[in-house]
């Protein structure tokens, strides 16, 4: 049985990833050493890895699904408004039916917060 899919996100400097996910988005550090941090918030988890080689190859876009996007948007707008994505600063309904907004770090890693309509 699958439980979670946990991404590795590569940064030239580990601190850049920690600033975005921990300081900005409110994740907690579960483990940290010189080149790896395991972070989590609620049931979302990721590995932040210091690797200049891999960071140069990919700046990912990740999505976090939520059941209360308005509350998350209020929190992020208060906590770290400077990280709101310049093209997705507000919650908006997308053509595919989800309500979304996004956060963007200084290395262009993007996190999209998404709420799907409730069934029924």
PDB file of N, CA and C in Angstrom:
ATOM      1  N   UNK A   1       0.845  -1.187   0.000  1.00  0.00           N
ATOM      2  CA  UNK A   1       0.000   0.000   0.000  1.00  0.00           C
ATOM      3  C   UNK A   1       0.884   1.240   0.000  1.00  0.00           C
ATOM      4  N   UNK A   2       0.609   2.175  -0.916  1.00  0.00           N
ATOM      5  CA  UNK A   2       1.368   3.425  -0.968  1.00  0.00           C
ATOM      6  C   UNK A   2       0.865   4.367   0.131  1.00  0.00           C
ATOM      7  N   UNK A   3       1.771   5.095   0.761  1.00  0.00           N
ATOM      8  CA  UNK A   3       1.381   6.087   1.751  1.00  0.00           C
ATOM      9  C   UNK A   3       1.672   7.507   1.276  1.00  0.00           C
ATOM     10  N   UNK A   4       2.915   7.773   0.892  1.00  0.00           N
ATOM     11  CA  UNK A   4       3.306   9.114   0.480  1.00  0.00           C
ATOM     12  C   UNK A   4       4.339   9.051  -0.628  1.00  0.00           C
ATOM     13  N   UNK A   5       4.330  10.052  -1.473  1.00  0.00           N
ATOM     14  CA  UNK A   5       5.382  10.269  -2.455  1.00  0.00           C
ATOM     15  C   UNK A   5       6.148  11.480  -1.954  1.00  0.00           C
ATOM     16  N   UNK A   6       7.430  11.330  -1.669  1.00  0.00           N
ATOM     17  CA  UNK A   6       8.203  12.390  -1.018  1.00  0.00           C
ATOM     18  C   UNK A   6       9.281  12.886  -1.977  1.00  0.00           C
ATOM     19  N   UNK A   7       9.185  14.147  -2.397  1.00  0.00           N
ATOM     20  CA  UNK A   7      10.161  14.674  -3.357  1.00  0.00           C
ATOM     21  C   UNK A   7      11.487  15.049  -2.706  1.00  0.00           C
ATOM     22  N   UNK A   8      12.537  14.969  -3.492  1.00  0.00           N
ATOM     23  CA  UNK A   8      13.827  15.571  -3.148  1.00  0.00           C
ATOM     24  C   UNK A   8      13.896  16.879  -3.920  1.00  0.00           C
ATOM     25  N   UNK A   9      14.235  17.946  -3.232  1.00  0.00           N
ATOM     26  CA  UNK A   9      14.347  19.251  -3.864  1.00  0.00           C
ATOM     27  C   UNK A   9      15.794  19.700  -3.680  1.00  0.00           C
ATOM     28  N   UNK A  10      16.465  19.915  -4.799  1.00  0.00           N
ATOM     29  CA  UNK A  10      17.886  20.217  -4.764  1.00  0.00           C
ATOM     30  C   UNK A  10      18.124  21.722  -4.762  1.00  0.00           C
ATOM     31  N   UNK A  11      19.046  22.145  -3.926  1.00  0.00           N
ATOM     32  CA  UNK A  11      19.452  23.546  -3.808  1.00  0.00           C
ATOM     33  C   UNK A  11      20.966  23.643  -3.883  1.00  0.00           C
ATOM     34  N   UNK A  12      21.434  24.751  -4.433  1.00  0.00           N
ATOM     35  CA  UNK A  12      22.874  25.018  -4.424  1.00  0.00           C
ATOM     36  C   UNK A  12      23.347  25.148  -2.977  1.00  0.00           C
ATOM     37  N   UNK A  13      22.552  25.839  -2.161  1.00  0.00           N
ATOM     38  CA  UNK A  13      22.835  26.002  -0.730  1.00  0.00           C
ATOM     39  C   UNK A  13      21.637  25.482   0.059  1.00  0.00           C
ATOM     40  N   UNK A  14      21.860  24.592   0.976  1.00  0.00           N
ATOM     41  CA  UNK A  14      20.792  24.016   1.797  1.00  0.00           C
ATOM     42  C   UNK A  14      19.977  25.110   2.468  1.00  0.00           C
ATOM     43  N   UNK A  15      20.638  26.163   2.902  1.00  0.00           N
ATOM     44  CA  UNK A  15      19.971  27.252   3.625  1.00  0.00           C
ATOM     45  C   UNK A  15      18.871  27.908   2.788  1.00  0.00           C
ATOM     46  N   UNK A  16      19.054  27.989   1.465  1.00  0.00           N
ATOM     47  CA  UNK A  16      18.019  28.571   0.612  1.00  0.00           C
ATOM     48  C   UNK A  16      16.721  27.778   0.705  1.00  0.00           C
ATOM     49  N   UNK A  17      16.820  26.465   0.703  1.00  0.00           N
ATOM     50  CA  UNK A  17      15.640  25.621   0.828  1.00  0.00           C
ATOM     51  C   UNK A  17      14.990  25.739   2.193  1.00  0.00           C
ATOM     52  N   UNK A  18      15.811  25.822   3.227  1.00  0.00           N
ATOM     53  CA  UNK A  18      15.268  25.959   4.582  1.00  0.00           C
ATOM     54  C   UNK A  18      14.581  27.306   4.768  1.00  0.00           C
ATOM     55  N   UNK A  19      15.143  28.357   4.175  1.00  0.00           N
ATOM     56  CA  UNK A  19      14.500  29.669   4.263  1.00  0.00           C
ATOM     57  C   UNK A  19      13.112  29.634   3.638  1.00  0.00           C
ATOM     58  N   UNK A  20      12.985  28.979   2.488  1.00  0.00           N
ATOM     59  CA  UNK A  20      11.690  28.925   1.803  1.00  0.00           C
ATOM     60  C   UNK A  20      10.704  28.043   2.552  1.00  0.00           C
ATOM     61  N   UNK A  21      11.073  26.802   2.800  1.00  0.00           N
ATOM     62  CA  UNK A  21      10.122  25.844   3.358  1.00  0.00           C
ATOM     63  C   UNK A  21       9.895  26.000   4.856  1.00  0.00           C
ATOM     64  N   UNK A  22      10.932  26.260   5.617  1.00  0.00           N
ATOM     65  CA  UNK A  22      10.787  26.362   7.073  1.00  0.00           C
ATOM     66  C   UNK A  22      10.382  27.781   7.471  1.00  0.00           C
ATOM     67  N   UNK A  23      11.218  28.758   7.125  1.00  0.00           N
ATOM     68  CA  UNK A  23      10.920  30.137   7.520  1.00  0.00           C
ATOM     69  C   UNK A  23       9.683  30.671   6.797  1.00  0.00           C
ATOM     70  N   UNK A  24       9.568  30.373   5.501  1.00  0.00           N
ATOM     71  CA  UNK A  24       8.471  30.913   4.712  1.00  0.00           C
ATOM     72  C   UNK A  24       7.171  30.143   4.831  1.00  0.00           C
ATOM     73  N   UNK A  25       7.213  28.839   4.555  1.00  0.00           N
ATOM     74  CA  UNK A  25       5.985  28.043   4.486  1.00  0.00           C
ATOM     75  C   UNK A  25       5.611  27.342   5.788  1.00  0.00           C
ATOM     76  N   UNK A  26       6.456  27.434   6.800  1.00  0.00           N
ATOM     77  CA  UNK A  26       6.100  26.898   8.109  1.00  0.00           C
ATOM     78  C   UNK A  26       6.334  25.421   8.317  1.00  0.00           C
ATOM     79  N   UNK A  27       7.170  24.798   7.488  1.00  0.00           N
ATOM     80  CA  UNK A  27       7.532  23.397   7.710  1.00  0.00           C
ATOM     81  C   UNK A  27       8.457  23.296   8.923  1.00  0.00           C
ATOM     82  N   UNK A  28       8.521  22.120   9.519  1.00  0.00           N
ATOM     83  CA  UNK A  28       9.437  21.842  10.625  1.00  0.00           C
ATOM     84  C   UNK A  28      10.551  20.931  10.143  1.00  0.00           C
ATOM     85  N   UNK A  29      11.719  21.076  10.732  1.00  0.00           N
ATOM     86  CA  UNK A  29      12.854  20.212  10.406  1.00  0.00           C
ATOM     87  C   UNK A  29      12.771  18.958  11.266  1.00  0.00           C
ATOM     88  N   UNK A  30      12.670  17.797  10.606  1.00  0.00           N
ATOM     89  CA  UNK A  30      12.665  16.522  11.320  1.00  0.00           C
ATOM     90  C   UNK A  30      14.077  15.972  11.477  1.00  0.00           C
ATOM     91  N   UNK A  31      14.939  16.285  10.513  1.00  0.00           N
ATOM     92  CA  UNK A  31      16.340  15.842  10.530  1.00  0.00           C
ATOM     93  C   UNK A  31      17.138  16.823   9.685  1.00  0.00           C
ATOM     94  N   UNK A  32      18.358  17.090  10.123  1.00  0.00           N
ATOM     95  CA  UNK A  32      19.244  17.915   9.311  1.00  0.00           C
ATOM     96  C   UNK A  32      20.686  17.511   9.563  1.00  0.00           C
ATOM     97  N   UNK A  33      21.445  17.396   8.453  1.00  0.00           N
ATOM     98  CA  UNK A  33      22.887  17.245   8.539  1.00  0.00           C
ATOM     99  C   UNK A  33      23.495  18.250   7.565  1.00  0.00           C
ATOM    100  N   UNK A  34      24.734  18.061   7.176  1.00  0.00           N
ATOM    101  CA  UNK A  34      25.428  19.051   6.354  1.00  0.00           C
ATOM    102  C   UNK A  34      24.820  19.240   4.966  1.00  0.00           C
ATOM    103  N   UNK A  35      24.190  18.195   4.404  1.00  0.00           N
ATOM    104  CA  UNK A  35      23.699  18.320   3.038  1.00  0.00           C
ATOM    105  C   UNK A  35      22.254  17.852   2.840  1.00  0.00           C
ATOM    106  N   UNK A  36      21.541  17.537   3.912  1.00  0.00           N
ATOM    107  CA  UNK A  36      20.175  17.031   3.796  1.00  0.00           C
ATOM    108  C   UNK A  36      19.335  17.517   4.966  1.00  0.00           C
ATOM    109  N   UNK A  37      18.105  17.921   4.653  1.00  0.00           N
ATOM    110  CA  UNK A  37      17.123  18.207   5.696  1.00  0.00           C
ATOM    111  C   UNK A  37      15.828  17.506   5.313  1.00  0.00           C
ATOM    112  N   UNK A  38      15.222  16.849   6.281  1.00  0.00           N
ATOM    113  CA  UNK A  38      13.910  16.258   6.110  1.00  0.00           C
ATOM    114  C   UNK A  38      12.947  17.219   6.785  1.00  0.00           C
ATOM    115  N   UNK A  39      11.960  17.697   6.018  1.00  0.00           N
ATOM    116  CA  UNK A  39      11.026  18.685   6.540  1.00  0.00           C
ATOM    117  C   UNK A  39       9.608  18.156   6.432  1.00  0.00           C
ATOM    118  N   UNK A  40       8.725  18.664   7.302  1.00  0.00           N
ATOM    119  CA  UNK A  40       7.336  18.214   7.283  1.00  0.00           C
ATOM    120  C   UNK A  40       6.429  19.296   7.842  1.00  0.00           C
ATOM    121  N   UNK A  41       5.215  19.266   7.331  1.00  0.00           N
ATOM    122  CA  UNK A  41       4.125  20.075   7.890  1.00  0.00           C
ATOM    123  C   UNK A  41       2.855  19.290   7.644  1.00  0.00           C
ATOM    124  N   UNK A  42       2.123  19.039   8.713  1.00  0.00           N
ATOM    125  CA  UNK A  42       0.949  18.175   8.646  1.00  0.00           C
ATOM    126  C   UNK A  42       1.389  16.842   8.013  1.00  0.00           C
ATOM    127  N   UNK A  43       0.783  16.394   6.915  1.00  0.00           N
ATOM    128  CA  UNK A  43       1.199  15.131   6.305  1.00  0.00           C
ATOM    129  C   UNK A  43       2.123  15.343   5.107  1.00  0.00           C
ATOM    130  N   UNK A  44       2.407  16.600   4.764  1.00  0.00           N
ATOM    131  CA  UNK A  44       3.333  16.892   3.656  1.00  0.00           C
ATOM    132  C   UNK A  44       4.772  16.777   4.156  1.00  0.00           C
ATOM    133  N   UNK A  45       5.624  16.163   3.331  1.00  0.00           N
ATOM    134  CA  UNK A  45       7.017  15.965   3.701  1.00  0.00           C
ATOM    135  C   UNK A  45       7.880  16.111   2.461  1.00  0.00           C
ATOM    136  N   UNK A  46       9.120  16.570   2.643  1.00  0.00           N
ATOM    137  CA  UNK A  46      10.064  16.679   1.529  1.00  0.00           C
ATOM    138  C   UNK A  46      11.484  16.539   2.063  1.00  0.00           C
ATOM    139  N   UNK A  47      12.383  16.222   1.147  1.00  0.00           N
ATOM    140  CA  UNK A  47      13.810  16.192   1.452  1.00  0.00           C
ATOM    141  C   UNK A  47      14.441  17.375   0.745  1.00  0.00           C
ATOM    142  N   UNK A  48      15.127  18.222   1.489  1.00  0.00           N
ATOM    143  CA  UNK A  48      15.866  19.349   0.931  1.00  0.00           C
ATOM    144  C   UNK A  48      17.323  18.902   0.880  1.00  0.00           C
ATOM    145  N   UNK A  49      17.915  18.926  -0.310  1.00  0.00           N
ATOM    146  CA  UNK A  49      19.246  18.372  -0.508  1.00  0.00           C
ATOM    147  C   UNK A  49      20.168  19.437  -1.100  1.00  0.00           C
ATOM    148  N   UNK A  50      21.320  19.599  -0.502  1.00  0.00           N
ATOM    149  CA  UNK A  50      22.322  20.501  -1.064  1.00  0.00           C
ATOM    150  C   UNK A  50      23.101  19.762  -2.142  1.00  0.00           C
ATOM    151  N   UNK A  51      22.927  20.213  -3.375  1.00  0.00           N
ATOM    152  CA  UNK A  51      23.629  19.632  -4.505  1.00  0.00           C
ATOM    153  C   UNK A  51      23.671  20.668  -5.624  1.00  0.00           C
ATOM    154  N   UNK A  52      24.737  21.449  -5.700  1.00  0.00           N
ATOM    155  CA  UNK A  52      24.829  22.454  -6.762  1.00  0.00           C
ATOM    156  C   UNK A  52      24.651  21.854  -8.157  1.00  0.00           C
ATOM    157  N   UNK A  53      25.174  20.655  -8.366  1.00  0.00           N
ATOM    158  CA  UNK A  53      25.069  20.004  -9.680  1.00  0.00           C
ATOM    159  C   UNK A  53      23.608  19.764 -10.070  1.00  0.00           C
ATOM    160  N   UNK A  54      22.827  19.145  -9.176  1.00  0.00           N
ATOM    161  CA  UNK A  54      21.435  18.847  -9.493  1.00  0.00           C
ATOM    162  C   UNK A  54      20.552  20.100  -9.435  1.00  0.00           C
ATOM    163  N   UNK A  55      20.864  21.029  -8.556  1.00  0.00           N
ATOM    164  CA  UNK A  55      20.098  22.273  -8.479  1.00  0.00           C
ATOM    165  C   UNK A  55      20.183  23.046  -9.788  1.00  0.00           C
ATOM    166  N   UNK A  56      21.332  22.976 -10.449  1.00  0.00           N
ATOM    167  CA  UNK A  56      21.505  23.672 -11.727  1.00  0.00           C
ATOM    168  C   UNK A  56      20.666  23.036 -12.835  1.00  0.00           C
ATOM    169  N   UNK A  57      20.276  21.792 -12.678  1.00  0.00           N
ATOM    170  CA  UNK A  57      19.531  21.078 -13.714  1.00  0.00           C
ATOM    171  C   UNK A  57      18.016  21.239 -13.614  1.00  0.00           C
ATOM    172  N   UNK A  58      17.499  21.522 -12.415  1.00  0.00           N
ATOM    173  CA  UNK A  58      16.047  21.505 -12.260  1.00  0.00           C
ATOM    174  C   UNK A  58      15.601  22.411 -11.129  1.00  0.00           C
ATOM    175  N   UNK A  59      14.606  23.236 -11.394  1.00  0.00           N
ATOM    176  CA  UNK A  59      13.914  24.027 -10.375  1.00  0.00           C
ATOM    177  C   UNK A  59      12.462  23.579 -10.447  1.00  0.00           C
ATOM    178  N   UNK A  60      12.033  22.734  -9.524  1.00  0.00           N
ATOM    179  CA  UNK A  60      10.730  22.082  -9.659  1.00  0.00           C
ATOM    180  C   UNK A  60       9.541  22.970  -9.309  1.00  0.00           C
ATOM    181  N   UNK A  61       8.396  22.542  -9.816  1.00  0.00           N
ATOM    182  CA  UNK A  61       7.112  23.055  -9.363  1.00  0.00           C
ATOM    183  C   UNK A  61       6.436  21.907  -8.629  1.00  0.00           C
ATOM    184  N   UNK A  62       6.056  22.148  -7.401  1.00  0.00           N
ATOM    185  CA  UNK A  62       5.419  21.142  -6.556  1.00  0.00           C
ATOM    186  C   UNK A  62       4.010  21.608  -6.231  1.00  0.00           C
ATOM    187  N   UNK A  63       3.131  20.692  -5.908  1.00  0.00           N
ATOM    188  CA  UNK A  63       1.772  21.052  -5.513  1.00  0.00           C
ATOM    189  C   UNK A  63       1.455  20.437  -4.159  1.00  0.00           C
ATOM    190  N   UNK A  64       0.764  21.214  -3.354  1.00  0.00           N
ATOM    191  CA  UNK A  64       0.262  20.732  -2.066  1.00  0.00           C
ATOM    192  C   UNK A  64      -1.245  20.900  -2.097  1.00  0.00           C
ATOM    193  N   UNK A  65      -1.967  19.806  -1.965  1.00  0.00           N
ATOM    194  CA  UNK A  65      -3.415  19.863  -1.938  1.00  0.00           C
ATOM    195  C   UNK A  65      -3.878  20.148  -0.513  1.00  0.00           C
ATOM    196  N   UNK A  66      -4.922  20.955  -0.404  1.00  0.00           N
ATOM    197  CA  UNK A  66      -5.455  21.344   0.887  1.00  0.00           C
ATOM    198  C   UNK A  66      -6.974  21.304   0.848  1.00  0.00           C
ATOM    199  N   UNK A  67      -7.594  21.273   1.999  1.00  0.00           N
ATOM    200  CA  UNK A  67      -9.054  21.340   2.052  1.00  0.00           C
ATOM    201  C   UNK A  67      -9.520  22.700   2.568  1.00  0.00           C
ATOM    202  N   UNK A  68      -8.570  23.658   2.757  1.00  0.00           N
ATOM    203  CA  UNK A  68      -8.933  25.004   3.192  1.00  0.00           C
ATOM    204  C   UNK A  68      -7.949  26.016   2.609  1.00  0.00           C
ATOM    205  N   UNK A  69      -8.041  26.222   1.313  1.00  0.00           N
ATOM    206  CA  UNK A  69      -7.084  27.079   0.620  1.00  0.00           C
ATOM    207  C   UNK A  69      -7.166  28.531   1.094  1.00  0.00           C
ATOM    208  N   UNK A  70      -8.349  28.976   1.485  1.00  0.00           N
ATOM    209  CA  UNK A  70      -8.480  30.361   1.940  1.00  0.00           C
ATOM    210  C   UNK A  70      -7.699  30.593   3.227  1.00  0.00           C
ATOM    211  N   UNK A  71      -7.746  29.640   4.142  1.00  0.00           N
ATOM    212  CA  UNK A  71      -6.980  29.760   5.391  1.00  0.00           C
ATOM    213  C   UNK A  71      -5.480  29.703   5.114  1.00  0.00           C
ATOM    214  N   UNK A  72      -5.058  28.818   4.220  1.00  0.00           N
ATOM    215  CA  UNK A  72      -3.632  28.725   3.868  1.00  0.00           C
ATOM    216  C   UNK A  72      -3.186  30.027   3.211  1.00  0.00           C
ATOM    217  N   UNK A  73      -3.994  30.576   2.310  1.00  0.00           N
ATOM    218  CA  UNK A  73      -3.633  31.826   1.647  1.00  0.00           C
ATOM    219  C   UNK A  73      -3.522  32.971   2.657  1.00  0.00           C
ATOM    220  N   UNK A  74      -4.450  33.065   3.594  1.00  0.00           N
ATOM    221  CA  UNK A  74      -4.366  34.098   4.637  1.00  0.00           C
ATOM    222  C   UNK A  74      -3.073  33.952   5.427  1.00  0.00           C
ATOM    223  N   UNK A  75      -2.757  32.713   5.809  1.00  0.00           N
ATOM    224  CA  UNK A  75      -1.525  32.478   6.582  1.00  0.00           C
ATOM    225  C   UNK A  75      -0.293  32.885   5.783  1.00  0.00           C
ATOM    226  N   UNK A  76      -0.204  32.432   4.529  1.00  0.00           N
ATOM    227  CA  UNK A  76       0.982  32.732   3.722  1.00  0.00           C
ATOM    228  C   UNK A  76       1.087  34.226   3.412  1.00  0.00           C
ATOM    229  N   UNK A  77      -0.038  34.887   3.210  1.00  0.00           N
ATOM    230  CA  UNK A  77      -0.031  36.324   2.935  1.00  0.00           C
ATOM    231  C   UNK A  77       0.473  37.112   4.131  1.00  0.00           C
ATOM    232  N   UNK A  78       0.172  36.617   5.326  1.00  0.00           N
ATOM    233  CA  UNK A  78       0.639  37.266   6.550  1.00  0.00           C
ATOM    234  C   UNK A  78       2.072  36.870   6.865  1.00  0.00           C
ATOM    235  N   UNK A  79       2.363  35.601   6.747  1.00  0.00           N
ATOM    236  CA  UNK A  79       3.655  35.040   7.138  1.00  0.00           C
ATOM    237  C   UNK A  79       4.787  35.460   6.205  1.00  0.00           C
ATOM    238  N   UNK A  80       4.548  35.442   4.890  1.00  0.00           N
ATOM    239  CA  UNK A  80       5.637  35.654   3.937  1.00  0.00           C
ATOM    240  C   UNK A  80       5.116  36.169   2.598  1.00  0.00           C
ATOM    241  N   UNK A  81       4.456  37.303   2.618  1.00  0.00           N
ATOM    242  CA  UNK A  81       3.840  37.856   1.413  1.00  0.00           C
ATOM    243  C   UNK A  81       4.837  38.030   0.280  1.00  0.00           C
ATOM    244  N   UNK A  82       6.088  38.284   0.598  1.00  0.00           N
ATOM    245  CA  UNK A  82       7.104  38.485  -0.449  1.00  0.00           C
ATOM    246  C   UNK A  82       7.337  37.215  -1.271  1.00  0.00           C
ATOM    247  N   UNK A  83       6.918  36.062  -0.764  1.00  0.00           N
ATOM    248  CA  UNK A  83       7.099  34.804  -1.483  1.00  0.00           C
ATOM    249  C   UNK A  83       5.897  34.436  -2.360  1.00  0.00           C
ATOM    250  N   UNK A  84       4.824  35.213  -2.300  1.00  0.00           N
ATOM    251  CA  UNK A  84       3.688  34.928  -3.186  1.00  0.00           C
ATOM    252  C   UNK A  84       4.152  35.065  -4.628  1.00  0.00           C
ATOM    253  N   UNK A  85       3.780  34.098  -5.444  1.00  0.00           N
ATOM    254  CA  UNK A  85       4.193  34.089  -6.852  1.00  0.00           C
ATOM    255  C   UNK A  85       3.639  35.325  -7.560  1.00  0.00           C
ATOM    256  N   UNK A  86       4.459  36.038  -8.317  1.00  0.00           N
ATOM    257  CA  UNK A  86       3.971  37.267  -8.954  1.00  0.00           C
ATOM    258  C   UNK A  86       2.813  37.050  -9.933  1.00  0.00           C
ATOM    259  N   UNK A  87       2.645  35.845 -10.458  1.00  0.00           N
ATOM    260  CA  UNK A  87       1.562  35.559 -11.404  1.00  0.00           C
ATOM    261  C   UNK A  87       0.443  34.722 -10.789  1.00  0.00           C
ATOM    262  N   UNK A  88       0.540  34.432  -9.494  1.00  0.00           N
ATOM    263  CA  UNK A  88      -0.491  33.620  -8.834  1.00  0.00           C
ATOM    264  C   UNK A  88      -0.588  34.012  -7.360  1.00  0.00           C
ATOM    265  N   UNK A  89      -0.658  35.315  -7.105  1.00  0.00           N
ATOM    266  CA  UNK A  89      -0.660  35.858  -5.744  1.00  0.00           C
ATOM    267  C   UNK A  89      -1.966  35.629  -4.996  1.00  0.00           C
ATOM    268  N   UNK A  90      -3.048  35.492  -5.746  1.00  0.00           N
ATOM    269  CA  UNK A  90      -4.364  35.362  -5.122  1.00  0.00           C
ATOM    270  C   UNK A  90      -4.960  33.998  -5.470  1.00  0.00           C
ATOM    271  N   UNK A  91      -5.919  33.582  -4.682  1.00  0.00           N
ATOM    272  CA  UNK A  91      -6.618  32.330  -4.955  1.00  0.00           C
ATOM    273  C   UNK A  91      -7.535  32.560  -6.158  1.00  0.00           C
ATOM    274  N   UNK A  92      -7.398  31.688  -7.142  1.00  0.00           N
ATOM    275  CA  UNK A  92      -8.261  31.804  -8.312  1.00  0.00           C
ATOM    276  C   UNK A  92      -8.721  30.427  -8.775  1.00  0.00           C
ATOM    277  N   UNK A  93      -9.890  30.416  -9.396  1.00  0.00           N
ATOM    278  CA  UNK A  93     -10.451  29.186  -9.942  1.00  0.00           C
ATOM    279  C   UNK A  93      -9.821  28.933 -11.304  1.00  0.00           C
ATOM    280  N   UNK A  94      -9.250  27.767 -11.471  1.00  0.00           N
ATOM    281  CA  UNK A  94      -8.587  27.404 -12.721  1.00  0.00           C
ATOM    282  C   UNK A  94      -9.556  26.668 -13.645  1.00  0.00           C
ATOM    283  N   UNK A  95      -9.281  26.633 -14.950  1.00  0.00           N
ATOM    284  CA  UNK A  95     -10.173  25.953 -15.899  1.00  0.00           C
ATOM    285  C   UNK A  95     -10.380  24.467 -15.583  1.00  0.00           C
ATOM    286  N   UNK A  96      -9.435  23.847 -14.897  1.00  0.00           N
ATOM    287  CA  UNK A  96      -9.559  22.415 -14.572  1.00  0.00           C
ATOM    288  C   UNK A  96     -10.350  22.191 -13.295  1.00  0.00           C
ATOM    289  N   UNK A  97     -10.886  23.270 -12.684  1.00  0.00           N
ATOM    290  CA  UNK A  97     -11.811  23.127 -11.566  1.00  0.00           C
ATOM    291  C   UNK A  97     -11.228  23.326 -10.187  1.00  0.00           C
ATOM    292  N   UNK A  98      -9.922  23.461 -10.056  1.00  0.00           N
ATOM    293  CA  UNK A  98      -9.293  23.643  -8.755  1.00  0.00           C
ATOM    294  C   UNK A  98      -9.117  25.130  -8.458  1.00  0.00           C
ATOM    295  N   UNK A  99      -9.131  25.472  -7.179  1.00  0.00           N
ATOM    296  CA  UNK A  99      -8.776  26.819  -6.737  1.00  0.00           C
ATOM    297  C   UNK A  99      -7.309  26.762  -6.307  1.00  0.00           C
ATOM    298  N   UNK A 100      -6.521  27.756  -6.742  1.00  0.00           N
ATOM    299  CA  UNK A 100      -5.071  27.694  -6.530  1.00  0.00           C
ATOM    300  C   UNK A 100      -4.471  29.070  -6.283  1.00  0.00           C
ATOM    301  N   UNK A 101      -3.298  29.050  -5.618  1.00  0.00           N
ATOM    302  CA  UNK A 101      -2.363  30.162  -5.593  1.00  0.00           C
ATOM    303  C   UNK A 101      -0.990  29.542  -5.446  1.00  0.00           C
ATOM    304  N   UNK A 102       0.064  30.353  -5.607  1.00  0.00           N
ATOM    305  CA  UNK A 102       1.409  29.765  -5.595  1.00  0.00           C
ATOM    306  C   UNK A 102       2.408  30.640  -4.838  1.00  0.00           C
ATOM    307  N   UNK A 103       3.465  29.989  -4.401  1.00  0.00           N
ATOM    308  CA  UNK A 103       4.596  30.625  -3.726  1.00  0.00           C
ATOM    309  C   UNK A 103       5.845  30.341  -4.568  1.00  0.00           C
ATOM    310  N   UNK A 104       6.775  31.283  -4.564  1.00  0.00           N
ATOM    311  CA  UNK A 104       7.973  31.161  -5.389  1.00  0.00           C
ATOM    312  C   UNK A 104       9.178  31.617  -4.586  1.00  0.00           C
ATOM    313  N   UNK A 105      10.235  30.784  -4.542  1.00  0.00           N
ATOM    314  CA  UNK A 105      11.425  31.190  -3.810  1.00  0.00           C
ATOM    315  C   UNK A 105      12.433  31.878  -4.734  1.00  0.00           C
ATOM    316  N   UNK A 106      13.522  32.366  -4.146  1.00  0.00           N
ATOM    317  CA  UNK A 106      14.501  33.132  -4.922  1.00  0.00           C
ATOM    318  C   UNK A 106      15.253  32.291  -5.942  1.00  0.00           C
ATOM    319  N   UNK A 107      15.155  30.957  -5.855  1.00  0.00           N
ATOM    320  CA  UNK A 107      15.810  30.089  -6.840  1.00  0.00           C
ATOM    321  C   UNK A 107      14.821  29.599  -7.890  1.00  0.00           C
ATOM    322  N   UNK A 108      13.594  30.050  -7.826  1.00  0.00           N
ATOM    323  CA  UNK A 108      12.463  29.715  -8.687  1.00  0.00           C
ATOM    324  C   UNK A 108      11.842  28.336  -8.426  1.00  0.00           C
ATOM    325  N   UNK A 109      12.034  27.790  -7.257  1.00  0.00           N
ATOM    326  CA  UNK A 109      11.228  26.634  -6.852  1.00  0.00           C
ATOM    327  C   UNK A 109       9.831  27.176  -6.572  1.00  0.00           C
ATOM    328  N   UNK A 110       8.824  26.507  -7.135  1.00  0.00           N
ATOM    329  CA  UNK A 110       7.438  26.959  -7.016  1.00  0.00           C
ATOM    330  C   UNK A 110       6.621  25.913  -6.262  1.00  0.00           C
ATOM    331  N   UNK A 111       5.806  26.380  -5.324  1.00  0.00           N
ATOM    332  CA  UNK A 111       4.856  25.516  -4.631  1.00  0.00           C
ATOM    333  C   UNK A 111       3.463  26.063  -4.897  1.00  0.00           C
ATOM    334  N   UNK A 112       2.634  25.228  -5.518  1.00  0.00           N
ATOM    335  CA  UNK A 112       1.241  25.581  -5.814  1.00  0.00           C
ATOM    336  C   UNK A 112       0.376  24.954  -4.733  1.00  0.00           C
ATOM    337  N   UNK A 113      -0.456  25.774  -4.101  1.00  0.00           N
ATOM    338  CA  UNK A 113      -1.450  25.258  -3.163  1.00  0.00           C
ATOM    339  C   UNK A 113      -2.749  25.109  -3.943  1.00  0.00           C
ATOM    340  N   UNK A 114      -3.381  23.947  -3.791  1.00  0.00           N
ATOM    341  CA  UNK A 114      -4.543  23.612  -4.632  1.00  0.00           C
ATOM    342  C   UNK A 114      -5.645  22.983  -3.781  1.00  0.00           C
ATOM    343  N   UNK A 115      -6.867  23.449  -4.026  1.00  0.00           N
ATOM    344  CA  UNK A 115      -8.051  22.850  -3.398  1.00  0.00           C
ATOM    345  C   UNK A 115      -9.015  22.424  -4.505  1.00  0.00           C
ATOM    346  N   UNK A 116      -9.334  21.140  -4.518  1.00  0.00           N
ATOM    347  CA  UNK A 116     -10.303  20.604  -5.475  1.00  0.00           C
ATOM    348  C   UNK A 116     -11.696  20.748  -4.914  1.00  0.00           C
ATOM    349  N   UNK A 117     -12.710  20.877  -5.781  1.00  0.00           N
ATOM    350  CA  UNK A 117     -14.091  20.962  -5.280  1.00  0.00           C
ATOM    351  C   UNK A 117     -14.468  19.705  -4.516  1.00  0.00           C
ATOM    352  N   UNK A 118     -15.298  19.914  -3.520  1.00  0.00           N
ATOM    353  CA  UNK A 118     -15.772  18.757  -2.744  1.00  0.00           C
ATOM    354  C   UNK A 118     -16.778  17.976  -3.580  1.00  0.00           C
ATOM    355  N   UNK A 119     -16.706  16.638  -3.535  1.00  0.00           N
ATOM    356  CA  UNK A 119     -17.649  15.827  -4.312  1.00  0.00           C
ATOM    357  C   UNK A 119     -19.084  16.042  -3.854  1.00  0.00           C
ATOM    358  N   UNK A 120     -19.978  15.933  -4.806  1.00  0.00           N
ATOM    359  CA  UNK A 120     -21.400  15.959  -4.485  1.00  0.00           C
ATOM    360  C   UNK A 120     -21.972  17.264  -4.707  1.00  0.00           C
TER     361      UNK A 120
END
